[in-house]
Amino acid sequence: MTAAFKLTSTDFRGVISQRFFRNFLPLPAFSKFRVGQTLPDFDLPMVGQRASIKLSSYRQKSVVVLAFTRIFTEKQYCPFCYPHIMSMVETYKKFDQLGAEVLMITSTDMRQSKIVHRDLGLEMPLLVDSSCSIFRQYGTGQALGAPLPAQFVVDRSGRLTFQHLFSFAHPNASSERLLWAVHNASHQVEVTRLKRRGRDSNPR
């Protein structure tokens, strides 16, 4: 299914919902976390899986990219976000090759999210935050019926190494920028590990 079809759909069923009214008033994105800070854990259902996913389950295993995206319904995508989603889909294998996992987070309900997952052919996990509680916890902001997009890169120790919050000038961090951030996060963990090994092997 093409971007043009998605963005010009005249099917607006499901747009007006409780989520729409909760997110109608504009609230700008707000940086709640500092680089180096451990990000709060969350537990969200995943499309296609019975078990939910915890951010903490990736600790000591892999770098994680949290890609909060803005989708109104399975027929209506944010025009800023749809190209970014497709870019992340196309580069997903590159993230995997770097040993990183991409968790895409949507505020659509489970029924809508299953259709999104199918239509986009997503290989990455699609997590469902229909209450928008994690969007709010992470300070993504909101406007006109849905939360705003944001991206966070978390290293293997669970600490924030990179964040991008929405602005009209730069709605999303590009997939290339996120790949760079993942590479840096992986490298920094390795440097820290080697320094610790050096201290352990050379006690004072």
N, C-alpha and C. Protein backbone atom coordinates (compact mmCIF):
# COMPACT_ATOMS: atom_id res chain seq x y z
N MET A 1 0.85 -1.19 0.00
CA MET A 1 0.00 0.00 0.00
C MET A 1 0.89 1.24 0.00
N THR A 2 0.62 2.19 -0.86
CA THR A 2 1.53 3.31 -1.06
C THR A 2 1.27 4.44 -0.08
N ALA A 3 2.28 5.32 0.05
CA ALA A 3 2.14 6.48 0.93
C ALA A 3 1.02 7.38 0.45
N ALA A 4 0.89 7.56 -0.87
CA ALA A 4 -0.15 8.44 -1.40
C ALA A 4 -1.54 7.94 -1.01
N PHE A 5 -1.74 6.63 -1.10
CA PHE A 5 -3.04 6.07 -0.73
C PHE A 5 -3.32 6.33 0.74
N LYS A 6 -2.34 6.07 1.58
CA LYS A 6 -2.53 6.24 3.02
C LYS A 6 -2.89 7.68 3.37
N LEU A 7 -2.19 8.62 2.75
CA LEU A 7 -2.33 10.01 3.16
C LEU A 7 -3.54 10.70 2.54
N THR A 8 -4.13 10.10 1.54
CA THR A 8 -5.28 10.75 0.91
C THR A 8 -6.57 9.97 1.14
N SER A 9 -6.56 9.02 2.06
CA SER A 9 -7.76 8.24 2.34
C SER A 9 -8.89 9.15 2.83
N THR A 10 -10.10 8.89 2.35
CA THR A 10 -11.27 9.67 2.80
C THR A 10 -12.05 8.93 3.88
N ASP A 11 -11.49 7.84 4.37
CA ASP A 11 -12.14 7.06 5.43
C ASP A 11 -11.68 7.59 6.78
N PHE A 12 -12.54 8.37 7.43
CA PHE A 12 -12.19 8.98 8.72
C PHE A 12 -12.86 8.27 9.90
N ARG A 13 -13.38 7.09 9.66
CA ARG A 13 -13.99 6.34 10.76
C ARG A 13 -12.95 6.04 11.83
N GLY A 14 -13.33 6.24 13.08
CA GLY A 14 -12.44 5.96 14.19
C GLY A 14 -11.58 7.11 14.62
N VAL A 15 -11.56 8.19 13.84
CA VAL A 15 -10.73 9.34 14.22
C VAL A 15 -11.25 9.98 15.50
N ILE A 16 -12.57 10.20 15.56
CA ILE A 16 -13.17 10.80 16.75
C ILE A 16 -13.39 9.71 17.79
N SER A 17 -12.60 9.76 18.84
CA SER A 17 -12.64 8.74 19.88
C SER A 17 -12.25 9.38 21.20
N GLN A 18 -12.22 8.58 22.26
CA GLN A 18 -11.77 9.11 23.55
C GLN A 18 -10.33 9.61 23.45
N ARG A 19 -9.51 8.90 22.70
CA ARG A 19 -8.13 9.33 22.52
C ARG A 19 -8.08 10.71 21.85
N PHE A 20 -8.95 10.93 20.86
CA PHE A 20 -8.99 12.22 20.16
C PHE A 20 -9.23 13.36 21.14
N PHE A 21 -10.21 13.21 22.02
CA PHE A 21 -10.53 14.29 22.95
C PHE A 21 -9.44 14.45 24.02
N ARG A 22 -8.82 13.35 24.44
CA ARG A 22 -7.74 13.45 25.44
C ARG A 22 -6.52 14.17 24.88
N ASN A 23 -6.33 14.08 23.57
CA ASN A 23 -5.13 14.64 22.95
C ASN A 23 -5.41 15.83 22.04
N PHE A 24 -6.61 16.41 22.17
CA PHE A 24 -6.98 17.47 21.25
C PHE A 24 -6.22 18.76 21.52
N LEU A 25 -6.15 19.18 22.78
CA LEU A 25 -5.48 20.44 23.10
C LEU A 25 -3.98 20.32 22.88
N PRO A 26 -3.36 21.28 22.20
CA PRO A 26 -1.93 21.19 21.91
C PRO A 26 -1.09 21.30 23.19
N LEU A 27 -0.19 20.36 23.37
CA LEU A 27 0.81 20.40 24.43
C LEU A 27 2.16 20.13 23.77
N PRO A 28 3.09 21.07 23.86
CA PRO A 28 4.38 20.87 23.19
C PRO A 28 5.18 19.74 23.82
N ALA A 29 6.06 19.16 23.04
CA ALA A 29 6.97 18.15 23.57
C ALA A 29 7.85 18.79 24.64
N PHE A 30 8.21 18.02 25.65
CA PHE A 30 8.97 18.54 26.78
C PHE A 30 10.05 17.54 27.15
N SER A 31 11.29 17.99 27.16
CA SER A 31 12.42 17.11 27.48
C SER A 31 12.43 16.80 28.97
N LYS A 32 12.06 15.59 29.31
CA LYS A 32 11.96 15.18 30.72
C LYS A 32 13.20 14.45 31.21
N PHE A 33 14.06 14.03 30.28
CA PHE A 33 15.19 13.19 30.66
C PHE A 33 16.50 13.78 30.15
N ARG A 34 17.55 13.52 30.91
CA ARG A 34 18.90 13.94 30.53
C ARG A 34 19.63 12.75 29.90
N VAL A 35 20.54 13.04 29.00
CA VAL A 35 21.40 11.99 28.47
C VAL A 35 22.18 11.37 29.63
N GLY A 36 22.21 10.06 29.69
CA GLY A 36 22.86 9.36 30.79
C GLY A 36 21.90 8.90 31.86
N GLN A 37 20.68 9.41 31.81
CA GLN A 37 19.66 9.03 32.80
C GLN A 37 19.01 7.71 32.41
N THR A 38 18.73 6.87 33.43
CA THR A 38 18.00 5.63 33.18
C THR A 38 16.54 5.95 32.89
N LEU A 39 16.04 5.48 31.76
CA LEU A 39 14.66 5.78 31.38
C LEU A 39 13.68 4.90 32.14
N PRO A 40 12.49 5.42 32.41
CA PRO A 40 11.49 4.63 33.14
C PRO A 40 11.07 3.40 32.34
N ASP A 41 10.86 2.33 33.05
CA ASP A 41 10.43 1.09 32.41
C ASP A 41 8.97 1.20 31.99
N PHE A 42 8.58 0.39 31.05
CA PHE A 42 7.17 0.30 30.68
C PHE A 42 6.87 -1.14 30.25
N ASP A 43 5.60 -1.45 30.22
CA ASP A 43 5.13 -2.78 29.87
C ASP A 43 3.93 -2.60 28.94
N LEU A 44 4.11 -2.90 27.65
CA LEU A 44 3.07 -2.65 26.66
C LEU A 44 2.77 -3.91 25.85
N PRO A 45 1.50 -4.07 25.45
CA PRO A 45 1.16 -5.20 24.57
C PRO A 45 1.78 -5.02 23.20
N MET A 46 2.10 -6.16 22.59
CA MET A 46 2.73 -6.16 21.27
C MET A 46 1.82 -6.84 20.27
N VAL A 47 1.67 -6.25 19.12
CA VAL A 47 0.84 -6.84 18.06
C VAL A 47 1.41 -8.20 17.67
N GLY A 48 0.53 -9.20 17.66
CA GLY A 48 0.94 -10.54 17.23
C GLY A 48 1.52 -11.41 18.31
N GLN A 49 1.59 -10.90 19.54
CA GLN A 49 2.15 -11.67 20.65
C GLN A 49 1.20 -11.64 21.84
N ARG A 50 1.11 -12.75 22.54
CA ARG A 50 0.29 -12.78 23.75
C ARG A 50 0.96 -12.04 24.89
N ALA A 51 2.28 -12.19 24.97
CA ALA A 51 3.02 -11.56 26.06
C ALA A 51 3.28 -10.09 25.74
N SER A 52 3.27 -9.27 26.78
CA SER A 52 3.62 -7.86 26.62
C SER A 52 5.14 -7.71 26.61
N ILE A 53 5.59 -6.52 26.29
CA ILE A 53 7.03 -6.24 26.19
C ILE A 53 7.41 -5.20 27.24
N LYS A 54 8.49 -5.49 27.97
CA LYS A 54 9.04 -4.53 28.92
C LYS A 54 10.34 -3.96 28.35
N LEU A 55 10.52 -2.66 28.51
CA LEU A 55 11.78 -2.06 28.09
C LEU A 55 12.95 -2.70 28.83
N SER A 56 12.76 -2.98 30.11
CA SER A 56 13.84 -3.53 30.93
C SER A 56 14.28 -4.92 30.47
N SER A 57 13.47 -5.61 29.68
CA SER A 57 13.85 -6.95 29.22
C SER A 57 15.02 -6.90 28.23
N TYR A 58 15.32 -5.72 27.71
CA TYR A 58 16.43 -5.58 26.77
C TYR A 58 17.73 -5.18 27.46
N ARG A 59 17.65 -4.92 28.75
CA ARG A 59 18.83 -4.45 29.47
C ARG A 59 19.92 -5.51 29.46
N GLN A 60 21.13 -5.10 29.22
CA GLN A 60 22.31 -5.96 29.10
C GLN A 60 22.27 -6.85 27.86
N LYS A 61 21.28 -6.64 26.99
CA LYS A 61 21.16 -7.46 25.78
C LYS A 61 21.39 -6.66 24.51
N SER A 62 20.72 -5.53 24.39
CA SER A 62 20.84 -4.78 23.13
C SER A 62 20.51 -3.31 23.34
N VAL A 63 21.02 -2.50 22.44
CA VAL A 63 20.61 -1.10 22.35
C VAL A 63 19.18 -1.08 21.82
N VAL A 64 18.37 -0.14 22.29
CA VAL A 64 16.97 -0.07 21.89
C VAL A 64 16.67 1.32 21.33
N VAL A 65 15.97 1.35 20.21
CA VAL A 65 15.42 2.59 19.66
C VAL A 65 13.93 2.60 19.96
N LEU A 66 13.48 3.60 20.70
CA LEU A 66 12.05 3.78 20.95
C LEU A 66 11.53 4.77 19.92
N ALA A 67 10.68 4.31 19.04
CA ALA A 67 10.14 5.16 17.97
C ALA A 67 8.65 5.38 18.22
N PHE A 68 8.35 6.46 18.95
CA PHE A 68 6.95 6.84 19.18
C PHE A 68 6.43 7.47 17.89
N THR A 69 5.38 6.92 17.33
CA THR A 69 4.88 7.42 16.06
C THR A 69 3.45 7.94 16.19
N ARG A 70 3.05 8.72 15.21
CA ARG A 70 1.75 9.41 15.25
C ARG A 70 0.86 8.85 14.14
N ILE A 71 -0.08 8.01 14.54
CA ILE A 71 -1.04 7.41 13.61
C ILE A 71 -2.43 7.67 14.17
N PHE A 72 -3.29 8.25 13.37
CA PHE A 72 -4.65 8.56 13.84
C PHE A 72 -5.54 7.33 13.84
N THR A 73 -5.58 6.63 12.72
CA THR A 73 -6.31 5.36 12.60
C THR A 73 -5.54 4.51 11.59
N GLU A 74 -6.03 3.29 11.36
CA GLU A 74 -5.39 2.44 10.37
C GLU A 74 -5.50 2.99 8.95
N LYS A 75 -6.35 4.01 8.77
CA LYS A 75 -6.51 4.65 7.46
C LYS A 75 -5.90 6.04 7.39
N GLN A 76 -5.58 6.61 8.54
CA GLN A 76 -5.12 8.00 8.59
C GLN A 76 -3.79 8.10 9.33
N TYR A 77 -2.74 8.41 8.57
CA TYR A 77 -1.40 8.57 9.13
C TYR A 77 -1.02 10.05 9.14
N CYS A 78 -0.24 10.43 10.13
CA CYS A 78 0.32 11.78 10.14
C CYS A 78 1.23 11.94 8.91
N PRO A 79 1.07 13.02 8.13
CA PRO A 79 1.91 13.20 6.94
C PRO A 79 3.38 13.38 7.25
N PHE A 80 3.71 13.81 8.48
CA PHE A 80 5.10 13.91 8.88
C PHE A 80 5.68 12.54 9.22
N CYS A 81 4.81 11.64 9.69
CA CYS A 81 5.29 10.38 10.26
C CYS A 81 5.30 9.21 9.28
N TYR A 82 4.39 9.21 8.33
CA TYR A 82 4.34 8.07 7.42
C TYR A 82 5.65 7.86 6.67
N PRO A 83 6.26 8.91 6.09
CA PRO A 83 7.56 8.70 5.42
C PRO A 83 8.63 8.21 6.39
N HIS A 84 8.58 8.70 7.64
CA HIS A 84 9.56 8.26 8.63
C HIS A 84 9.36 6.79 8.97
N ILE A 85 8.11 6.38 9.13
CA ILE A 85 7.83 4.97 9.41
C ILE A 85 8.39 4.09 8.30
N MET A 86 8.13 4.47 7.05
CA MET A 86 8.58 3.67 5.92
C MET A 86 10.11 3.64 5.82
N SER A 87 10.76 4.75 6.19
CA SER A 87 12.22 4.77 6.21
C SER A 87 12.75 3.81 7.28
N MET A 88 12.09 3.77 8.44
CA MET A 88 12.50 2.84 9.49
C MET A 88 12.27 1.40 9.07
N VAL A 89 11.19 1.15 8.35
CA VAL A 89 10.92 -0.19 7.84
C VAL A 89 12.05 -0.62 6.89
N GLU A 90 12.44 0.29 6.01
CA GLU A 90 13.45 -0.02 5.00
C GLU A 90 14.84 -0.22 5.60
N THR A 91 15.12 0.43 6.73
CA THR A 91 16.45 0.33 7.34
C THR A 91 16.48 -0.59 8.55
N TYR A 92 15.39 -1.27 8.83
CA TYR A 92 15.30 -2.10 10.04
C TYR A 92 16.43 -3.12 10.11
N LYS A 93 16.76 -3.74 8.99
CA LYS A 93 17.83 -4.75 8.99
C LYS A 93 19.18 -4.13 9.37
N LYS A 94 19.39 -2.86 9.04
CA LYS A 94 20.64 -2.20 9.43
C LYS A 94 20.72 -2.04 10.94
N PHE A 95 19.60 -1.72 11.57
CA PHE A 95 19.58 -1.65 13.03
C PHE A 95 19.88 -3.02 13.62
N ASP A 96 19.27 -4.04 13.05
CA ASP A 96 19.48 -5.41 13.52
C ASP A 96 20.94 -5.81 13.38
N GLN A 97 21.58 -5.43 12.30
CA GLN A 97 22.99 -5.76 12.09
C GLN A 97 23.89 -5.09 13.12
N LEU A 98 23.44 -3.96 13.65
CA LEU A 98 24.19 -3.26 14.71
C LEU A 98 23.86 -3.81 16.09
N GLY A 99 23.00 -4.82 16.15
CA GLY A 99 22.63 -5.41 17.43
C GLY A 99 21.61 -4.60 18.20
N ALA A 100 20.84 -3.78 17.50
CA ALA A 100 19.83 -2.93 18.15
C ALA A 100 18.43 -3.42 17.82
N GLU A 101 17.51 -3.17 18.72
CA GLU A 101 16.10 -3.44 18.47
C GLU A 101 15.36 -2.12 18.34
N VAL A 102 14.43 -2.07 17.41
CA VAL A 102 13.57 -0.91 17.23
C VAL A 102 12.19 -1.27 17.75
N LEU A 103 11.71 -0.53 18.73
CA LEU A 103 10.36 -0.71 19.24
C LEU A 103 9.52 0.46 18.75
N MET A 104 8.62 0.19 17.83
CA MET A 104 7.72 1.24 17.36
C MET A 104 6.49 1.25 18.25
N ILE A 105 6.11 2.44 18.71
CA ILE A 105 5.01 2.57 19.67
C ILE A 105 3.93 3.43 19.06
N THR A 106 2.71 2.91 19.04
CA THR A 106 1.58 3.61 18.45
C THR A 106 0.49 3.81 19.50
N SER A 107 -0.33 4.85 19.28
CA SER A 107 -1.44 5.11 20.21
C SER A 107 -2.76 4.58 19.66
N THR A 108 -2.74 3.93 18.49
CA THR A 108 -3.96 3.31 17.97
C THR A 108 -4.33 2.10 18.83
N ASP A 109 -5.62 1.73 18.80
CA ASP A 109 -6.03 0.57 19.59
C ASP A 109 -5.53 -0.72 18.94
N MET A 110 -5.74 -1.84 19.61
CA MET A 110 -5.17 -3.10 19.13
C MET A 110 -5.74 -3.51 17.77
N ARG A 111 -7.03 -3.30 17.56
CA ARG A 111 -7.62 -3.66 16.27
C ARG A 111 -6.99 -2.86 15.15
N GLN A 112 -6.89 -1.55 15.35
CA GLN A 112 -6.28 -0.69 14.34
C GLN A 112 -4.80 -1.03 14.14
N SER A 113 -4.13 -1.30 15.25
CA SER A 113 -2.69 -1.57 15.20
C SER A 113 -2.39 -2.85 14.43
N LYS A 114 -3.25 -3.85 14.55
CA LYS A 114 -3.06 -5.09 13.78
C LYS A 114 -3.12 -4.81 12.28
N ILE A 115 -4.03 -3.93 11.89
CA ILE A 115 -4.15 -3.58 10.47
C ILE A 115 -2.92 -2.78 10.01
N VAL A 116 -2.47 -1.85 10.85
CA VAL A 116 -1.26 -1.09 10.55
C VAL A 116 -0.07 -2.04 10.36
N HIS A 117 0.07 -2.96 11.29
CA HIS A 117 1.17 -3.93 11.25
C HIS A 117 1.13 -4.73 9.95
N ARG A 118 -0.05 -5.16 9.57
CA ARG A 118 -0.22 -5.95 8.34
C ARG A 118 0.03 -5.11 7.10
N ASP A 119 -0.58 -3.92 7.04
CA ASP A 119 -0.47 -3.09 5.84
C ASP A 119 0.95 -2.62 5.57
N LEU A 120 1.69 -2.34 6.64
CA LEU A 120 3.05 -1.84 6.47
C LEU A 120 4.08 -2.95 6.38
N GLY A 121 3.66 -4.19 6.65
CA GLY A 121 4.60 -5.31 6.62
C GLY A 121 5.71 -5.16 7.63
N LEU A 122 5.36 -4.74 8.85
CA LEU A 122 6.37 -4.45 9.86
C LEU A 122 7.08 -5.71 10.33
N GLU A 123 8.39 -5.67 10.37
CA GLU A 123 9.19 -6.73 10.99
C GLU A 123 9.53 -6.36 12.43
N MET A 124 9.65 -5.08 12.70
CA MET A 124 9.96 -4.62 14.05
C MET A 124 8.73 -4.78 14.95
N PRO A 125 8.93 -4.92 16.26
CA PRO A 125 7.80 -4.99 17.18
C PRO A 125 6.98 -3.71 17.14
N LEU A 126 5.66 -3.86 17.12
CA LEU A 126 4.74 -2.72 17.20
C LEU A 126 4.02 -2.81 18.54
N LEU A 127 4.29 -1.85 19.42
CA LEU A 127 3.71 -1.84 20.76
C LEU A 127 2.53 -0.88 20.79
N VAL A 128 1.52 -1.24 21.57
CA VAL A 128 0.27 -0.49 21.58
C VAL A 128 0.10 0.25 22.91
N ASP A 129 0.03 1.57 22.84
CA ASP A 129 -0.20 2.42 24.01
C ASP A 129 -1.46 3.24 23.77
N SER A 130 -2.60 2.56 23.72
CA SER A 130 -3.85 3.24 23.37
C SER A 130 -4.30 4.23 24.43
N SER A 131 -3.82 4.08 25.67
CA SER A 131 -4.14 5.05 26.71
C SER A 131 -3.25 6.29 26.62
N CYS A 132 -2.19 6.19 25.83
CA CYS A 132 -1.20 7.28 25.64
C CYS A 132 -0.41 7.57 26.91
N SER A 133 -0.45 6.67 27.88
CA SER A 133 0.22 6.94 29.15
C SER A 133 1.74 6.98 29.02
N ILE A 134 2.30 6.13 28.16
CA ILE A 134 3.75 6.12 27.99
C ILE A 134 4.19 7.31 27.13
N PHE A 135 3.38 7.67 26.14
CA PHE A 135 3.65 8.90 25.40
C PHE A 135 3.76 10.08 26.37
N ARG A 136 2.81 10.18 27.30
CA ARG A 136 2.84 11.29 28.27
C ARG A 136 4.02 11.17 29.21
N GLN A 137 4.29 9.95 29.67
CA GLN A 137 5.41 9.75 30.59
C GLN A 137 6.73 10.17 29.97
N TYR A 138 6.84 10.00 28.67
CA TYR A 138 8.07 10.34 27.96
C TYR A 138 8.05 11.76 27.38
N GLY A 139 6.99 12.51 27.64
CA GLY A 139 6.95 13.93 27.28
C GLY A 139 6.91 14.22 25.80
N THR A 140 6.24 13.36 25.02
CA THR A 140 6.25 13.55 23.57
C THR A 140 5.41 14.73 23.11
N GLY A 141 4.44 15.15 23.93
CA GLY A 141 3.53 16.21 23.52
C GLY A 141 2.34 15.65 22.76
N GLN A 142 1.39 16.52 22.44
CA GLN A 142 0.17 16.09 21.75
C GLN A 142 -0.43 17.26 20.99
N ALA A 143 -1.31 16.94 20.03
CA ALA A 143 -2.01 17.99 19.28
C ALA A 143 -3.06 17.37 18.38
N LEU A 144 -4.22 18.00 18.31
CA LEU A 144 -5.26 17.66 17.33
C LEU A 144 -5.61 16.18 17.32
N GLY A 145 -5.71 15.61 18.52
CA GLY A 145 -6.27 14.27 18.62
C GLY A 145 -5.32 13.12 18.76
N ALA A 146 -4.02 13.36 18.75
CA ALA A 146 -3.06 12.25 18.87
C ALA A 146 -1.75 12.75 19.45
N PRO A 147 -1.00 11.88 20.13
CA PRO A 147 0.32 12.27 20.62
C PRO A 147 1.26 12.58 19.47
N LEU A 148 2.30 13.35 19.78
CA LEU A 148 3.31 13.70 18.79
C LEU A 148 4.40 12.62 18.74
N PRO A 149 5.14 12.55 17.64
CA PRO A 149 6.20 11.54 17.53
C PRO A 149 7.44 11.94 18.31
N ALA A 150 8.26 10.96 18.63
CA ALA A 150 9.53 11.19 19.31
C ALA A 150 10.38 9.93 19.16
N GLN A 151 11.69 10.11 19.29
CA GLN A 151 12.60 8.97 19.23
C GLN A 151 13.62 9.05 20.36
N PHE A 152 13.89 7.90 20.96
CA PHE A 152 14.87 7.80 22.04
C PHE A 152 15.78 6.60 21.76
N VAL A 153 17.06 6.74 22.03
CA VAL A 153 17.99 5.62 21.92
C VAL A 153 18.48 5.29 23.32
N VAL A 154 18.37 4.02 23.68
CA VAL A 154 18.69 3.55 25.03
C VAL A 154 19.82 2.53 24.93
N ASP A 155 20.87 2.72 25.71
CA ASP A 155 21.99 1.77 25.63
C ASP A 155 21.68 0.50 26.41
N ARG A 156 22.63 -0.43 26.42
CA ARG A 156 22.39 -1.74 27.04
C ARG A 156 22.22 -1.66 28.55
N SER A 157 22.65 -0.57 29.15
CA SER A 157 22.46 -0.40 30.59
C SER A 157 21.15 0.29 30.92
N GLY A 158 20.36 0.62 29.89
CA GLY A 158 19.07 1.26 30.10
C GLY A 158 19.13 2.77 30.18
N ARG A 159 20.27 3.35 29.80
CA ARG A 159 20.45 4.80 29.90
C ARG A 159 20.21 5.49 28.56
N LEU A 160 19.67 6.68 28.65
CA LEU A 160 19.40 7.48 27.45
C LEU A 160 20.70 7.98 26.84
N THR A 161 20.87 7.77 25.54
CA THR A 161 22.04 8.29 24.85
C THR A 161 21.68 9.31 23.77
N PHE A 162 20.41 9.33 23.37
CA PHE A 162 19.98 10.25 22.31
C PHE A 162 18.46 10.40 22.40
N GLN A 163 17.99 11.64 22.17
CA GLN A 163 16.55 11.84 22.09
C GLN A 163 16.22 12.90 21.04
N HIS A 164 15.09 12.73 20.41
CA HIS A 164 14.60 13.72 19.45
C HIS A 164 13.12 13.92 19.71
N LEU A 165 12.74 15.16 19.99
CA LEU A 165 11.34 15.50 20.22
C LEU A 165 10.82 16.32 19.04
N PHE A 166 9.53 16.25 18.83
CA PHE A 166 8.90 16.86 17.67
C PHE A 166 9.08 18.37 17.62
N SER A 167 9.36 18.86 16.42
CA SER A 167 9.23 20.28 16.08
C SER A 167 8.81 20.33 14.62
N PHE A 168 8.18 21.42 14.20
CA PHE A 168 7.76 21.51 12.80
C PHE A 168 8.96 21.54 11.85
N ALA A 169 10.07 22.09 12.32
CA ALA A 169 11.27 22.13 11.49
C ALA A 169 11.88 20.74 11.32
N HIS A 170 11.81 19.95 12.39
CA HIS A 170 12.38 18.60 12.37
C HIS A 170 11.41 17.66 13.10
N PRO A 171 10.39 17.17 12.40
CA PRO A 171 9.37 16.34 13.06
C PRO A 171 9.93 15.04 13.65
N ASN A 172 10.85 14.40 12.93
CA ASN A 172 11.41 13.12 13.36
C ASN A 172 12.91 13.09 13.12
N ALA A 173 13.63 12.32 13.93
CA ALA A 173 15.04 12.06 13.64
C ALA A 173 15.11 11.06 12.50
N SER A 174 15.91 11.34 11.50
CA SER A 174 16.00 10.45 10.34
C SER A 174 16.54 9.09 10.74
N SER A 175 16.27 8.09 9.93
CA SER A 175 16.78 6.75 10.22
C SER A 175 18.31 6.76 10.22
N GLU A 176 18.92 7.58 9.37
CA GLU A 176 20.38 7.67 9.33
C GLU A 176 20.92 8.26 10.64
N ARG A 177 20.22 9.27 11.15
CA ARG A 177 20.64 9.87 12.44
C ARG A 177 20.49 8.86 13.56
N LEU A 178 19.45 8.06 13.53
CA LEU A 178 19.24 7.06 14.57
C LEU A 178 20.25 5.93 14.47
N LEU A 179 20.62 5.55 13.25
CA LEU A 179 21.67 4.53 13.09
C LEU A 179 22.99 5.04 13.67
N TRP A 180 23.29 6.31 13.43
CA TRP A 180 24.50 6.92 14.00
C TRP A 180 24.44 6.89 15.52
N ALA A 181 23.27 7.21 16.08
CA ALA A 181 23.12 7.22 17.54
C ALA A 181 23.26 5.82 18.11
N VAL A 182 22.74 4.82 17.41
CA VAL A 182 22.88 3.43 17.85
C VAL A 182 24.35 3.02 17.84
N HIS A 183 25.05 3.37 16.77
CA HIS A 183 26.48 3.05 16.68
C HIS A 183 27.24 3.68 17.84
N ASN A 184 26.95 4.93 18.15
CA ASN A 184 27.62 5.60 19.26
C ASN A 184 27.30 4.94 20.59
N ALA A 185 26.03 4.58 20.79
CA ALA A 185 25.61 3.94 22.04
C ALA A 185 26.32 2.60 22.22
N SER A 186 26.43 1.83 21.15
CA SER A 186 27.11 0.54 21.22
C SER A 186 28.59 0.72 21.51
N HIS A 187 29.21 1.70 20.86
CA HIS A 187 30.63 1.96 21.05
C HIS A 187 30.91 2.42 22.47
N GLN A 188 30.06 3.29 23.02
CA GLN A 188 30.27 3.82 24.35
C GLN A 188 30.21 2.72 25.40
N VAL A 189 29.28 1.77 25.23
CA VAL A 189 29.18 0.65 26.17
C VAL A 189 30.45 -0.18 26.14
N GLU A 190 30.98 -0.41 24.93
CA GLU A 190 32.20 -1.20 24.79
C GLU A 190 33.39 -0.49 25.44
N VAL A 191 33.50 0.82 25.25
CA VAL A 191 34.58 1.60 25.88
C VAL A 191 34.49 1.50 27.39
N THR A 192 33.28 1.66 27.93
CA THR A 192 33.08 1.57 29.38
C THR A 192 33.47 0.19 29.90
N ARG A 193 33.09 -0.86 29.16
CA ARG A 193 33.41 -2.22 29.58
C ARG A 193 34.92 -2.44 29.61
N LEU A 194 35.63 -1.94 28.61
CA LEU A 194 37.08 -2.10 28.56
C LEU A 194 37.76 -1.33 29.68
N LYS A 195 37.24 -0.14 29.99
CA LYS A 195 37.81 0.65 31.09
C LYS A 195 37.65 -0.09 32.42
N ARG A 196 36.47 -0.67 32.63
CA ARG A 196 36.22 -1.41 33.87
C ARG A 196 37.13 -2.63 33.95
N ARG A 197 37.31 -3.30 32.81
CA ARG A 197 38.19 -4.47 32.80
C ARG A 197 39.61 -4.05 33.14
N GLY A 198 40.03 -2.87 32.63
CA GLY A 198 41.36 -2.38 32.92
C GLY A 198 41.55 -2.06 34.39
N ARG A 199 40.54 -1.46 35.01
CA ARG A 199 40.62 -1.15 36.44
C ARG A 199 40.67 -2.42 37.27
N ASP A 200 39.87 -3.42 36.85
CA ASP A 200 39.83 -4.68 37.60
C ASP A 200 41.14 -5.44 37.52
N SER A 201 41.83 -5.31 36.38
CA SER A 201 43.08 -6.04 36.20
C SER A 201 44.29 -5.29 36.77
N ASN A 202 44.08 -4.02 37.15
CA ASN A 202 45.16 -3.21 37.71
C ASN A 202 44.72 -2.58 39.02
N PRO A 203 44.47 -3.40 40.04
CA PRO A 203 44.03 -2.83 41.32
C PRO A 203 45.14 -2.03 41.96
N ARG A 204 44.73 -0.98 42.66
CA ARG A 204 45.72 -0.14 43.33
C ARG A 204 46.19 -0.81 44.61
